[in-house]
Amino acid sequence: MLHLVIADAELELVPEEIADHPAIVNYARRRGKKPNEVILDGSYHHSALKRLPDGERRGRPDIVHICLLNALESIANKENLLRVYVHTRNDEVIYIKPETRLPRNYNRFLGLIESLFKKGAVPKDLELLKLEEKSLGKLIAEIGPDEVFIMHEEGEPVKPRDFGRVLAELENPLVIVGGFPHGDFRSEVPGKRVSLYREPLMAWTIVNEIIVNLESALL
């Protein structure tokens, strides 16, 4: 079973310190919500992000959306070989059941995540997505993997197909992929750093390479 964590993901509700910014207020009004009930999104809130620390990397829910669509629709997930989690910059963890089918439409996805942050689980009865306050370290300890791999541009070079074989030989490996556009992890991330290519790759590309090469080794 491969455990895949999208870590330090730039996924958060609008912080209080910019909730009064016109870009946020107008966006929330159009959505029929309060400013602190909407997901921070650089596509809509670019001017407001300039007032935040790390503003240049925050507000990227699209990274999580694409990564999750790719992972949850994979053959590995359909064959019950995969578990996916999202860890956010604010030390929240989203647990995702394998049978979850996320909205393909980005705006519907935002609405779903806003509901998750408000209610703690969606839908309430099935808890396909569940949100808990938890650090990355505590999540790793909870999973109890036999080995942890961190995808990092400065990691040890490994060919994707070889990495797939390595994962296939382990019973309970955990792979961590950064859910942010650039920079480094904010959390302490213990494990072996691995690089699949000589240039930086998008998070969703890394997710694809990991899963496809695992499938190639196992199926």
N, C-alpha and C. Protein backbone atom coordinates (compact mmCIF):
# COMPACT_ATOMS: atom_id res chain seq x y z
N MET A 1 0.85 -1.20 0.00
CA MET A 1 0.00 0.00 0.00
C MET A 1 0.88 1.24 0.00
N LEU A 2 0.74 2.07 -1.02
CA LEU A 2 1.49 3.33 -1.08
C LEU A 2 0.68 4.43 -0.40
N HIS A 3 1.31 5.13 0.52
CA HIS A 3 0.71 6.30 1.14
C HIS A 3 1.33 7.54 0.49
N LEU A 4 0.49 8.39 -0.08
CA LEU A 4 0.95 9.59 -0.77
C LEU A 4 0.43 10.82 -0.03
N VAL A 5 1.35 11.67 0.40
CA VAL A 5 0.97 12.88 1.14
C VAL A 5 1.34 14.11 0.32
N ILE A 6 0.35 14.95 0.04
CA ILE A 6 0.61 16.27 -0.55
C ILE A 6 0.83 17.19 0.65
N ALA A 7 2.08 17.55 0.90
CA ALA A 7 2.46 18.19 2.16
C ALA A 7 2.70 19.69 2.03
N ASP A 8 2.47 20.39 3.15
CA ASP A 8 2.61 21.85 3.20
C ASP A 8 1.82 22.51 2.08
N ALA A 9 0.69 21.91 1.76
CA ALA A 9 -0.14 22.42 0.66
C ALA A 9 -0.62 23.83 0.96
N GLU A 10 -0.60 24.67 -0.05
CA GLU A 10 -1.05 26.06 0.10
C GLU A 10 -2.56 26.11 -0.08
N LEU A 11 -3.22 25.50 0.89
CA LEU A 11 -4.68 25.38 0.90
C LEU A 11 -5.17 25.89 2.25
N GLU A 12 -5.90 26.99 2.25
CA GLU A 12 -6.34 27.60 3.51
C GLU A 12 -7.52 28.54 3.25
N LEU A 13 -8.29 28.77 4.30
CA LEU A 13 -9.30 29.81 4.25
C LEU A 13 -8.61 31.17 4.27
N VAL A 14 -9.31 32.21 3.83
CA VAL A 14 -8.75 33.56 3.83
C VAL A 14 -8.35 33.94 5.26
N PRO A 15 -7.09 34.31 5.49
CA PRO A 15 -6.65 34.70 6.84
C PRO A 15 -7.32 36.00 7.29
N GLU A 16 -7.48 36.14 8.59
CA GLU A 16 -8.17 37.29 9.17
C GLU A 16 -7.53 38.61 8.77
N GLU A 17 -6.19 38.61 8.64
CA GLU A 17 -5.49 39.88 8.40
C GLU A 17 -5.75 40.49 7.03
N ILE A 18 -6.32 39.71 6.09
CA ILE A 18 -6.64 40.29 4.78
C ILE A 18 -8.13 40.14 4.45
N ALA A 19 -8.94 39.75 5.43
CA ALA A 19 -10.37 39.52 5.19
C ALA A 19 -11.10 40.80 4.78
N ASP A 20 -10.52 41.97 5.11
CA ASP A 20 -11.17 43.23 4.76
C ASP A 20 -10.66 43.82 3.45
N HIS A 21 -9.77 43.10 2.77
CA HIS A 21 -9.23 43.61 1.50
C HIS A 21 -10.34 43.60 0.44
N PRO A 22 -10.43 44.66 -0.37
CA PRO A 22 -11.51 44.74 -1.38
C PRO A 22 -11.59 43.53 -2.30
N ALA A 23 -10.44 42.99 -2.68
CA ALA A 23 -10.45 41.83 -3.58
C ALA A 23 -11.12 40.64 -2.91
N ILE A 24 -10.92 40.48 -1.61
CA ILE A 24 -11.52 39.39 -0.85
C ILE A 24 -13.01 39.65 -0.62
N VAL A 25 -13.32 40.88 -0.18
CA VAL A 25 -14.70 41.24 0.14
C VAL A 25 -15.60 41.09 -1.09
N ASN A 26 -15.15 41.60 -2.22
CA ASN A 26 -15.96 41.53 -3.44
C ASN A 26 -16.13 40.10 -3.93
N TYR A 27 -15.05 39.33 -3.83
CA TYR A 27 -15.11 37.92 -4.24
C TYR A 27 -16.09 37.14 -3.37
N ALA A 28 -15.99 37.33 -2.06
CA ALA A 28 -16.88 36.63 -1.13
C ALA A 28 -18.34 37.02 -1.36
N ARG A 29 -18.57 38.31 -1.63
CA ARG A 29 -19.94 38.78 -1.86
C ARG A 29 -20.53 38.11 -3.10
N ARG A 30 -19.72 37.98 -4.15
CA ARG A 30 -20.19 37.31 -5.37
C ARG A 30 -20.52 35.85 -5.11
N ARG A 31 -19.78 35.25 -4.18
CA ARG A 31 -20.00 33.85 -3.84
C ARG A 31 -21.10 33.66 -2.81
N GLY A 32 -21.61 34.76 -2.24
CA GLY A 32 -22.64 34.68 -1.23
C GLY A 32 -22.13 34.13 0.10
N LYS A 33 -20.85 34.45 0.40
CA LYS A 33 -20.24 33.94 1.63
C LYS A 33 -19.52 35.07 2.36
N LYS A 34 -19.15 34.80 3.62
CA LYS A 34 -18.33 35.74 4.37
C LYS A 34 -16.89 35.63 3.91
N PRO A 35 -16.10 36.72 4.03
CA PRO A 35 -14.71 36.67 3.57
C PRO A 35 -13.89 35.55 4.19
N ASN A 36 -14.12 35.24 5.46
CA ASN A 36 -13.33 34.20 6.11
C ASN A 36 -13.89 32.79 5.89
N GLU A 37 -14.86 32.67 4.98
CA GLU A 37 -15.43 31.35 4.66
C GLU A 37 -15.00 30.86 3.29
N VAL A 38 -14.19 31.66 2.58
CA VAL A 38 -13.77 31.27 1.24
C VAL A 38 -12.29 30.86 1.24
N ILE A 39 -11.94 30.00 0.30
CA ILE A 39 -10.57 29.53 0.17
C ILE A 39 -9.71 30.61 -0.49
N LEU A 40 -8.55 30.84 0.09
CA LEU A 40 -7.60 31.80 -0.48
C LEU A 40 -7.11 31.28 -1.83
N ASP A 41 -7.20 32.12 -2.85
CA ASP A 41 -6.84 31.71 -4.21
C ASP A 41 -6.13 32.85 -4.92
N GLY A 42 -4.88 32.62 -5.26
CA GLY A 42 -4.09 33.65 -5.92
C GLY A 42 -4.66 34.12 -7.24
N SER A 43 -5.46 33.29 -7.90
CA SER A 43 -6.06 33.68 -9.17
C SER A 43 -7.04 34.83 -8.98
N TYR A 44 -7.70 34.87 -7.81
CA TYR A 44 -8.70 35.88 -7.54
C TYR A 44 -8.22 36.93 -6.52
N HIS A 45 -7.25 36.57 -5.70
CA HIS A 45 -6.87 37.42 -4.57
C HIS A 45 -5.42 37.88 -4.64
N HIS A 46 -4.93 38.03 -5.86
CA HIS A 46 -3.51 38.34 -6.06
C HIS A 46 -3.09 39.61 -5.31
N SER A 47 -3.88 40.66 -5.41
CA SER A 47 -3.50 41.93 -4.77
C SER A 47 -3.50 41.81 -3.25
N ALA A 48 -4.42 41.01 -2.70
CA ALA A 48 -4.49 40.83 -1.24
C ALA A 48 -3.31 40.02 -0.72
N LEU A 49 -2.80 39.09 -1.53
CA LEU A 49 -1.69 38.24 -1.10
C LEU A 49 -0.42 39.03 -0.82
N LYS A 50 -0.30 40.21 -1.42
CA LYS A 50 0.89 41.03 -1.19
C LYS A 50 1.02 41.47 0.26
N ARG A 51 -0.08 41.41 1.01
CA ARG A 51 -0.06 41.82 2.41
C ARG A 51 0.27 40.66 3.35
N LEU A 52 0.45 39.46 2.81
CA LEU A 52 0.69 38.29 3.64
C LEU A 52 2.15 37.86 3.61
N PRO A 53 2.67 37.35 4.73
CA PRO A 53 3.98 36.69 4.70
C PRO A 53 3.90 35.49 3.77
N ASP A 54 4.95 35.24 3.00
CA ASP A 54 4.96 34.14 2.03
C ASP A 54 3.86 34.28 0.99
N GLY A 55 3.41 35.51 0.76
CA GLY A 55 2.29 35.73 -0.15
C GLY A 55 2.54 35.23 -1.56
N GLU A 56 3.82 35.17 -1.96
CA GLU A 56 4.14 34.76 -3.32
C GLU A 56 3.91 33.26 -3.56
N ARG A 57 3.75 32.48 -2.49
CA ARG A 57 3.53 31.04 -2.68
C ARG A 57 2.18 30.57 -2.15
N ARG A 58 1.44 31.44 -1.52
CA ARG A 58 0.17 31.04 -0.91
C ARG A 58 -1.00 31.15 -1.89
N GLY A 59 -2.12 30.58 -1.50
CA GLY A 59 -3.31 30.66 -2.35
C GLY A 59 -3.22 29.82 -3.60
N ARG A 60 -2.84 28.52 -3.45
CA ARG A 60 -2.72 27.63 -4.62
C ARG A 60 -3.52 26.35 -4.44
N PRO A 61 -4.83 26.47 -4.24
CA PRO A 61 -5.66 25.26 -4.14
C PRO A 61 -5.68 24.45 -5.42
N ASP A 62 -5.34 25.07 -6.54
CA ASP A 62 -5.34 24.35 -7.82
C ASP A 62 -4.34 23.20 -7.82
N ILE A 63 -3.22 23.36 -7.10
CA ILE A 63 -2.22 22.29 -7.03
C ILE A 63 -2.82 21.05 -6.39
N VAL A 64 -3.51 21.25 -5.28
CA VAL A 64 -4.17 20.13 -4.60
C VAL A 64 -5.23 19.50 -5.49
N HIS A 65 -6.02 20.33 -6.16
CA HIS A 65 -7.10 19.82 -7.01
C HIS A 65 -6.56 18.89 -8.09
N ILE A 66 -5.55 19.34 -8.81
CA ILE A 66 -5.02 18.53 -9.92
C ILE A 66 -4.35 17.26 -9.40
N CYS A 67 -3.57 17.39 -8.33
CA CYS A 67 -2.90 16.21 -7.75
C CYS A 67 -3.92 15.16 -7.32
N LEU A 68 -4.99 15.59 -6.67
CA LEU A 68 -5.99 14.65 -6.17
C LEU A 68 -6.77 14.01 -7.32
N LEU A 69 -7.11 14.79 -8.33
CA LEU A 69 -7.81 14.20 -9.47
C LEU A 69 -6.97 13.09 -10.11
N ASN A 70 -5.69 13.37 -10.30
CA ASN A 70 -4.80 12.37 -10.91
C ASN A 70 -4.66 11.13 -10.04
N ALA A 71 -4.50 11.34 -8.73
CA ALA A 71 -4.29 10.21 -7.83
C ALA A 71 -5.54 9.36 -7.67
N LEU A 72 -6.67 10.02 -7.42
CA LEU A 72 -7.90 9.28 -7.13
C LEU A 72 -8.47 8.56 -8.35
N GLU A 73 -8.15 9.05 -9.54
CA GLU A 73 -8.64 8.40 -10.76
C GLU A 73 -7.65 7.39 -11.30
N SER A 74 -6.56 7.15 -10.59
CA SER A 74 -5.52 6.24 -11.08
C SER A 74 -5.95 4.78 -10.95
N ILE A 75 -5.29 3.94 -11.73
CA ILE A 75 -5.53 2.49 -11.63
C ILE A 75 -5.11 1.99 -10.24
N ALA A 76 -4.01 2.52 -9.72
CA ALA A 76 -3.54 2.09 -8.40
C ALA A 76 -4.61 2.32 -7.34
N ASN A 77 -5.29 3.45 -7.42
CA ASN A 77 -6.33 3.73 -6.43
C ASN A 77 -7.52 2.80 -6.64
N LYS A 78 -7.88 2.56 -7.89
CA LYS A 78 -9.00 1.66 -8.16
C LYS A 78 -8.69 0.23 -7.73
N GLU A 79 -7.40 -0.13 -7.70
CA GLU A 79 -6.98 -1.46 -7.27
C GLU A 79 -6.67 -1.53 -5.78
N ASN A 80 -7.02 -0.46 -5.05
CA ASN A 80 -6.82 -0.41 -3.60
C ASN A 80 -5.34 -0.52 -3.20
N LEU A 81 -4.48 0.13 -3.99
CA LEU A 81 -3.05 0.12 -3.71
C LEU A 81 -2.55 1.47 -3.21
N LEU A 82 -3.48 2.41 -2.99
CA LEU A 82 -3.08 3.79 -2.73
C LEU A 82 -3.95 4.42 -1.66
N ARG A 83 -3.32 5.23 -0.79
CA ARG A 83 -4.03 6.10 0.13
C ARG A 83 -3.44 7.50 -0.02
N VAL A 84 -4.31 8.49 -0.11
CA VAL A 84 -3.87 9.86 -0.36
C VAL A 84 -4.31 10.77 0.79
N TYR A 85 -3.42 11.67 1.17
CA TYR A 85 -3.69 12.63 2.24
C TYR A 85 -3.21 14.01 1.78
N VAL A 86 -3.83 15.05 2.33
CA VAL A 86 -3.34 16.42 2.12
C VAL A 86 -3.00 17.01 3.47
N HIS A 87 -1.79 17.51 3.59
CA HIS A 87 -1.36 18.24 4.80
C HIS A 87 -1.19 19.70 4.40
N THR A 88 -1.78 20.62 5.16
CA THR A 88 -1.75 22.04 4.79
C THR A 88 -0.69 22.82 5.55
N ARG A 89 -0.45 24.04 5.08
CA ARG A 89 0.55 24.91 5.72
C ARG A 89 0.17 25.22 7.17
N ASN A 90 -1.10 25.12 7.51
CA ASN A 90 -1.56 25.41 8.87
C ASN A 90 -1.70 24.16 9.73
N ASP A 91 -1.03 23.09 9.33
CA ASP A 91 -1.05 21.82 10.06
C ASP A 91 -2.45 21.26 10.25
N GLU A 92 -3.13 21.14 9.12
CA GLU A 92 -4.38 20.41 9.05
C GLU A 92 -4.16 19.24 8.09
N VAL A 93 -4.82 18.15 8.34
CA VAL A 93 -4.71 16.98 7.47
C VAL A 93 -6.09 16.62 6.93
N ILE A 94 -6.16 16.43 5.63
CA ILE A 94 -7.39 15.97 4.99
C ILE A 94 -7.22 14.49 4.66
N TYR A 95 -8.08 13.67 5.26
CA TYR A 95 -8.11 12.24 4.97
C TYR A 95 -9.12 12.01 3.85
N ILE A 96 -8.72 11.24 2.85
CA ILE A 96 -9.55 11.06 1.67
C ILE A 96 -9.79 9.58 1.42
N LYS A 97 -11.03 9.17 1.44
CA LYS A 97 -11.35 7.77 1.17
C LYS A 97 -11.12 7.45 -0.31
N PRO A 98 -10.63 6.24 -0.60
CA PRO A 98 -10.30 5.89 -1.99
C PRO A 98 -11.47 6.01 -2.95
N GLU A 99 -12.69 5.79 -2.46
CA GLU A 99 -13.87 5.83 -3.36
C GLU A 99 -14.33 7.25 -3.67
N THR A 100 -13.67 8.24 -3.10
CA THR A 100 -14.06 9.64 -3.32
C THR A 100 -13.90 10.02 -4.79
N ARG A 101 -14.90 10.70 -5.32
CA ARG A 101 -14.84 11.24 -6.68
C ARG A 101 -14.99 12.75 -6.58
N LEU A 102 -13.89 13.44 -6.76
CA LEU A 102 -13.90 14.90 -6.61
C LEU A 102 -14.52 15.57 -7.82
N PRO A 103 -15.09 16.77 -7.63
CA PRO A 103 -15.59 17.53 -8.79
C PRO A 103 -14.46 17.84 -9.75
N ARG A 104 -14.69 17.65 -11.03
CA ARG A 104 -13.69 18.03 -12.04
C ARG A 104 -13.65 19.55 -12.17
N ASN A 105 -14.80 20.17 -11.99
CA ASN A 105 -14.89 21.63 -12.11
C ASN A 105 -14.19 22.28 -10.92
N TYR A 106 -13.28 23.21 -11.21
CA TYR A 106 -12.46 23.82 -10.17
C TYR A 106 -13.28 24.60 -9.15
N ASN A 107 -14.26 25.37 -9.61
CA ASN A 107 -15.06 26.17 -8.69
C ASN A 107 -15.91 25.29 -7.77
N ARG A 108 -16.39 24.17 -8.30
CA ARG A 108 -17.13 23.23 -7.45
C ARG A 108 -16.20 22.59 -6.42
N PHE A 109 -14.97 22.35 -6.82
CA PHE A 109 -13.97 21.82 -5.88
C PHE A 109 -13.73 22.80 -4.74
N LEU A 110 -13.60 24.09 -5.07
CA LEU A 110 -13.42 25.11 -4.03
C LEU A 110 -14.59 25.10 -3.06
N GLY A 111 -15.80 25.01 -3.59
CA GLY A 111 -16.98 24.97 -2.74
C GLY A 111 -16.97 23.77 -1.81
N LEU A 112 -16.52 22.62 -2.32
CA LEU A 112 -16.45 21.40 -1.50
C LEU A 112 -15.44 21.58 -0.36
N ILE A 113 -14.28 22.14 -0.67
CA ILE A 113 -13.25 22.32 0.36
C ILE A 113 -13.67 23.37 1.38
N GLU A 114 -14.35 24.41 0.93
CA GLU A 114 -14.88 25.40 1.88
C GLU A 114 -15.87 24.75 2.85
N SER A 115 -16.69 23.86 2.34
CA SER A 115 -17.63 23.13 3.18
C SER A 115 -16.89 22.21 4.14
N LEU A 116 -15.81 21.60 3.68
CA LEU A 116 -15.01 20.72 4.53
C LEU A 116 -14.40 21.50 5.69
N PHE A 117 -13.85 22.68 5.41
CA PHE A 117 -13.24 23.51 6.47
C PHE A 117 -14.30 23.96 7.48
N LYS A 118 -15.52 24.15 7.01
CA LYS A 118 -16.58 24.62 7.89
C LYS A 118 -17.17 23.49 8.74
N LYS A 119 -17.35 22.32 8.13
CA LYS A 119 -18.05 21.22 8.80
C LYS A 119 -17.13 20.17 9.40
N GLY A 120 -15.90 20.08 8.88
CA GLY A 120 -14.97 19.08 9.39
C GLY A 120 -15.01 17.76 8.65
N ALA A 121 -16.10 17.51 7.91
CA ALA A 121 -16.22 16.30 7.10
C ALA A 121 -17.30 16.52 6.06
N VAL A 122 -17.09 15.95 4.85
CA VAL A 122 -18.10 16.02 3.79
C VAL A 122 -18.12 14.70 3.02
N PRO A 123 -19.33 14.22 2.64
CA PRO A 123 -20.57 14.58 3.30
C PRO A 123 -20.57 14.08 4.74
N LYS A 124 -21.38 14.66 5.58
CA LYS A 124 -21.32 14.38 7.01
C LYS A 124 -21.49 12.90 7.33
N ASP A 125 -22.39 12.24 6.59
CA ASP A 125 -22.69 10.85 6.92
C ASP A 125 -21.61 9.88 6.44
N LEU A 126 -21.00 10.15 5.28
CA LEU A 126 -20.01 9.23 4.71
C LEU A 126 -18.57 9.60 5.05
N GLU A 127 -18.33 10.88 5.33
CA GLU A 127 -16.98 11.37 5.63
C GLU A 127 -15.97 10.94 4.56
N LEU A 128 -16.33 11.17 3.30
CA LEU A 128 -15.38 10.87 2.22
C LEU A 128 -14.12 11.72 2.36
N LEU A 129 -14.31 12.95 2.82
CA LEU A 129 -13.19 13.83 3.16
C LEU A 129 -13.36 14.24 4.62
N LYS A 130 -12.29 14.12 5.38
CA LYS A 130 -12.33 14.48 6.81
C LYS A 130 -11.13 15.34 7.14
N LEU A 131 -11.36 16.41 7.89
CA LEU A 131 -10.31 17.37 8.24
C LEU A 131 -9.98 17.27 9.72
N GLU A 132 -8.70 17.17 10.04
CA GLU A 132 -8.24 17.16 11.42
C GLU A 132 -7.03 18.07 11.58
N GLU A 133 -6.90 18.68 12.75
CA GLU A 133 -5.69 19.45 13.05
C GLU A 133 -4.58 18.46 13.38
N LYS A 134 -3.51 18.49 12.58
CA LYS A 134 -2.44 17.50 12.79
C LYS A 134 -1.20 17.94 12.02
N SER A 135 -0.05 17.81 12.63
CA SER A 135 1.21 18.14 11.96
C SER A 135 1.60 17.02 11.01
N LEU A 136 2.52 17.32 10.12
CA LEU A 136 3.01 16.31 9.18
C LEU A 136 3.71 15.18 9.95
N GLY A 137 4.48 15.55 10.96
CA GLY A 137 5.17 14.53 11.76
C GLY A 137 4.22 13.57 12.42
N LYS A 138 3.11 14.08 12.96
CA LYS A 138 2.13 13.21 13.61
C LYS A 138 1.42 12.31 12.60
N LEU A 139 1.18 12.85 11.40
CA LEU A 139 0.56 12.03 10.35
C LEU A 139 1.48 10.88 9.97
N ILE A 140 2.77 11.17 9.79
CA ILE A 140 3.73 10.13 9.43
C ILE A 140 3.78 9.05 10.51
N ALA A 141 3.82 9.49 11.78
CA ALA A 141 3.85 8.53 12.89
C ALA A 141 2.59 7.67 12.90
N GLU A 142 1.47 8.28 12.58
CA GLU A 142 0.19 7.56 12.56
C GLU A 142 0.18 6.49 11.46
N ILE A 143 0.70 6.83 10.29
CA ILE A 143 0.74 5.89 9.16
C ILE A 143 1.71 4.75 9.46
N GLY A 144 2.84 5.07 10.09
CA GLY A 144 3.84 4.05 10.44
C GLY A 144 4.46 3.38 9.23
N PRO A 145 5.00 4.14 8.29
CA PRO A 145 5.56 3.54 7.07
C PRO A 145 6.87 2.81 7.34
N ASP A 146 7.21 1.88 6.44
CA ASP A 146 8.51 1.22 6.59
C ASP A 146 9.63 2.06 5.99
N GLU A 147 9.25 3.03 5.14
CA GLU A 147 10.25 3.99 4.63
C GLU A 147 9.53 5.23 4.13
N VAL A 148 10.20 6.39 4.29
CA VAL A 148 9.64 7.67 3.86
C VAL A 148 10.53 8.26 2.77
N PHE A 149 9.92 8.67 1.67
CA PHE A 149 10.63 9.30 0.56
C PHE A 149 10.08 10.71 0.37
N ILE A 150 10.97 11.68 0.21
CA ILE A 150 10.58 13.06 -0.02
C ILE A 150 10.98 13.44 -1.44
N MET A 151 10.02 13.84 -2.23
CA MET A 151 10.34 14.27 -3.59
C MET A 151 10.91 15.68 -3.53
N HIS A 152 12.15 15.82 -3.99
CA HIS A 152 12.87 17.08 -3.83
C HIS A 152 13.83 17.28 -4.99
N GLU A 153 13.88 18.50 -5.52
CA GLU A 153 14.74 18.76 -6.68
C GLU A 153 16.22 18.59 -6.36
N GLU A 154 16.59 18.61 -5.09
CA GLU A 154 17.99 18.39 -4.70
C GLU A 154 18.21 16.99 -4.15
N GLY A 155 17.24 16.11 -4.36
CA GLY A 155 17.36 14.75 -3.86
C GLY A 155 18.24 13.87 -4.74
N GLU A 156 18.42 12.64 -4.29
CA GLU A 156 19.21 11.67 -5.05
C GLU A 156 18.50 11.34 -6.37
N PRO A 157 19.21 11.48 -7.50
CA PRO A 157 18.57 11.17 -8.79
C PRO A 157 18.20 9.70 -8.90
N VAL A 158 16.96 9.44 -9.25
CA VAL A 158 16.46 8.08 -9.45
C VAL A 158 15.55 8.08 -10.66
N LYS A 159 15.75 7.14 -11.57
CA LYS A 159 14.86 7.06 -12.71
C LYS A 159 13.45 6.68 -12.26
N PRO A 160 12.44 7.28 -12.84
CA PRO A 160 11.06 7.00 -12.41
C PRO A 160 10.72 5.52 -12.36
N ARG A 161 11.13 4.75 -13.37
CA ARG A 161 10.80 3.31 -13.38
C ARG A 161 11.50 2.57 -12.25
N ASP A 162 12.73 3.02 -11.92
CA ASP A 162 13.46 2.39 -10.82
C ASP A 162 12.80 2.73 -9.48
N PHE A 163 12.30 3.95 -9.37
CA PHE A 163 11.62 4.35 -8.13
C PHE A 163 10.33 3.55 -7.96
N GLY A 164 9.64 3.31 -9.06
CA GLY A 164 8.43 2.49 -9.00
C GLY A 164 8.74 1.10 -8.48
N ARG A 165 9.87 0.53 -8.90
CA ARG A 165 10.26 -0.81 -8.43
C ARG A 165 10.59 -0.79 -6.94
N VAL A 166 11.27 0.27 -6.50
CA VAL A 166 11.61 0.40 -5.08
C VAL A 166 10.33 0.42 -4.24
N LEU A 167 9.36 1.23 -4.66
CA LEU A 167 8.10 1.31 -3.92
C LEU A 167 7.36 -0.02 -3.92
N ALA A 168 7.41 -0.72 -5.04
CA ALA A 168 6.70 -1.99 -5.17
C ALA A 168 7.26 -3.05 -4.25
N GLU A 169 8.53 -2.95 -3.89
CA GLU A 169 9.18 -3.95 -3.03
C GLU A 169 8.89 -3.72 -1.56
N LEU A 170 8.32 -2.57 -1.21
CA LEU A 170 8.02 -2.24 0.18
C LEU A 170 6.56 -2.53 0.50
N GLU A 171 6.28 -2.84 1.74
CA GLU A 171 4.90 -3.14 2.13
C GLU A 171 4.09 -1.88 2.40
N ASN A 172 4.76 -0.87 2.97
CA ASN A 172 4.02 0.30 3.44
C ASN A 172 4.82 1.59 3.24
N PRO A 173 5.19 1.89 1.99
CA PRO A 173 6.00 3.10 1.76
C PRO A 173 5.16 4.37 1.83
N LEU A 174 5.81 5.46 2.16
CA LEU A 174 5.16 6.78 2.19
C LEU A 174 5.98 7.73 1.33
N VAL A 175 5.31 8.41 0.42
CA VAL A 175 5.96 9.40 -0.45
C VAL A 175 5.35 10.77 -0.19
N ILE A 176 6.22 11.75 0.01
CA ILE A 176 5.77 13.12 0.29
C ILE A 176 6.07 14.01 -0.91
N VAL A 177 5.04 14.69 -1.39
CA VAL A 177 5.16 15.62 -2.52
C VAL A 177 4.73 17.00 -2.03
N GLY A 178 5.53 18.01 -2.32
CA GLY A 178 5.21 19.37 -1.89
C GLY A 178 4.00 19.93 -2.61
N GLY A 179 3.04 20.47 -1.84
CA GLY A 179 1.84 21.04 -2.43
C GLY A 179 1.91 22.55 -2.56
N PHE A 180 3.08 23.04 -2.95
CA PHE A 180 3.32 24.48 -3.07
C PHE A 180 4.03 24.76 -4.40
N PRO A 181 3.96 25.99 -4.92
CA PRO A 181 4.47 26.26 -6.26
C PRO A 181 5.98 26.35 -6.38
N HIS A 182 6.65 26.79 -5.32
CA HIS A 182 8.12 26.92 -5.33
C HIS A 182 8.62 27.07 -3.91
N GLY A 183 9.96 27.05 -3.77
CA GLY A 183 10.54 27.13 -2.43
C GLY A 183 10.71 25.74 -1.85
N ASP A 184 10.81 25.66 -0.52
CA ASP A 184 11.06 24.39 0.15
C ASP A 184 9.96 24.10 1.15
N PHE A 185 10.01 22.91 1.72
CA PHE A 185 9.04 22.54 2.74
C PHE A 185 9.17 23.44 3.95
N ARG A 186 8.05 23.78 4.56
CA ARG A 186 8.03 24.53 5.81
C ARG A 186 8.12 23.60 7.01
N SER A 187 7.62 22.40 6.84
CA SER A 187 7.61 21.41 7.91
C SER A 187 8.92 20.64 7.96
N GLU A 188 9.22 20.11 9.15
CA GLU A 188 10.32 19.17 9.27
C GLU A 188 9.91 17.88 8.56
N VAL A 189 10.71 17.48 7.59
CA VAL A 189 10.35 16.31 6.79
C VAL A 189 11.47 15.27 6.86
N PRO A 190 11.34 14.28 7.74
CA PRO A 190 12.36 13.24 7.83
C PRO A 190 12.17 12.20 6.74
N GLY A 191 13.27 11.76 6.13
CA GLY A 191 13.17 10.74 5.11
C GLY A 191 14.25 10.89 4.06
N LYS A 192 14.18 10.07 3.05
CA LYS A 192 15.17 10.07 1.97
C LYS A 192 14.69 10.97 0.84
N ARG A 193 15.53 11.93 0.47
CA ARG A 193 15.17 12.83 -0.63
C ARG A 193 15.46 12.18 -1.98
N VAL A 194 14.49 12.29 -2.87
CA VAL A 194 14.58 11.66 -4.18
C VAL A 194 14.19 12.67 -5.26
N SER A 195 14.91 12.63 -6.38
CA SER A 195 14.59 13.47 -7.53
C SER A 195 14.39 12.58 -8.75
N LEU A 196 13.30 12.78 -9.47
CA LEU A 196 12.99 11.94 -10.62
C LEU A 196 13.47 12.53 -11.95
N TYR A 197 13.92 13.79 -11.90
CA TYR A 197 14.30 14.44 -13.16
C TYR A 197 15.30 15.55 -12.87
N ARG A 198 16.06 15.90 -13.89
CA ARG A 198 17.14 16.88 -13.70
C ARG A 198 16.62 18.31 -13.53
N GLU A 199 15.35 18.54 -13.83
CA GLU A 199 14.75 19.86 -13.67
C GLU A 199 13.56 19.76 -12.72
N PRO A 200 13.18 20.88 -12.07
CA PRO A 200 11.99 20.85 -11.20
C PRO A 200 10.74 20.47 -12.00
N LEU A 201 9.87 19.70 -11.38
CA LEU A 201 8.62 19.27 -12.00
C LEU A 201 7.44 19.78 -11.19
N MET A 202 6.32 19.96 -11.87
CA MET A 202 5.09 20.32 -11.19
C MET A 202 4.67 19.19 -10.25
N ALA A 203 4.01 19.54 -9.16
CA ALA A 203 3.60 18.53 -8.18
C ALA A 203 2.76 17.44 -8.82
N TRP A 204 1.82 17.82 -9.70
CA TRP A 204 0.93 16.82 -10.30
C TRP A 204 1.67 15.91 -11.27
N THR A 205 2.75 16.42 -11.88
CA THR A 205 3.56 15.58 -12.75
C THR A 205 4.29 14.53 -11.93
N ILE A 206 4.81 14.95 -10.78
CA ILE A 206 5.49 14.01 -9.88
C ILE A 206 4.52 12.94 -9.41
N VAL A 207 3.32 13.35 -9.03
CA VAL A 207 2.31 12.40 -8.59
C VAL A 207 2.04 11.38 -9.70
N ASN A 208 1.89 11.85 -10.92
CA ASN A 208 1.64 10.95 -12.05
C ASN A 208 2.78 9.95 -12.23
N GLU A 209 4.02 10.46 -12.21
CA GLU A 209 5.19 9.59 -12.42
C GLU A 209 5.29 8.52 -11.35
N ILE A 210 5.05 8.91 -10.10
CA ILE A 210 5.12 7.95 -8.99
C ILE A 210 4.10 6.84 -9.19
N ILE A 211 2.86 7.23 -9.44
CA ILE A 211 1.77 6.25 -9.51
C ILE A 211 1.89 5.35 -10.74
N VAL A 212 2.19 5.94 -11.89
CA VAL A 212 2.27 5.15 -13.12
C VAL A 212 3.40 4.13 -13.04
N ASN A 213 4.53 4.54 -12.47
CA ASN A 213 5.65 3.62 -12.38
C ASN A 213 5.46 2.57 -11.29
N LEU A 214 4.71 2.90 -10.25
CA LEU A 214 4.33 1.89 -9.27
C LEU A 214 3.40 0.85 -9.93
N GLU A 215 2.44 1.34 -10.69
CA GLU A 215 1.52 0.43 -11.40
C GLU A 215 2.29 -0.48 -12.35
N SER A 216 3.26 0.08 -13.04
CA SER A 216 4.05 -0.70 -13.98
C SER A 216 4.79 -1.84 -13.28
N ALA A 217 5.23 -1.58 -12.05
CA ALA A 217 5.98 -2.58 -11.30
C ALA A 217 5.09 -3.64 -10.65
N LEU A 218 3.84 -3.24 -10.36
CA LEU A 218 2.96 -4.13 -9.60
C LEU A 218 1.92 -4.86 -10.43
N LEU A 219 1.44 -4.22 -11.51
CA LEU A 219 0.27 -4.75 -12.21
C LEU A 219 0.63 -5.35 -13.57
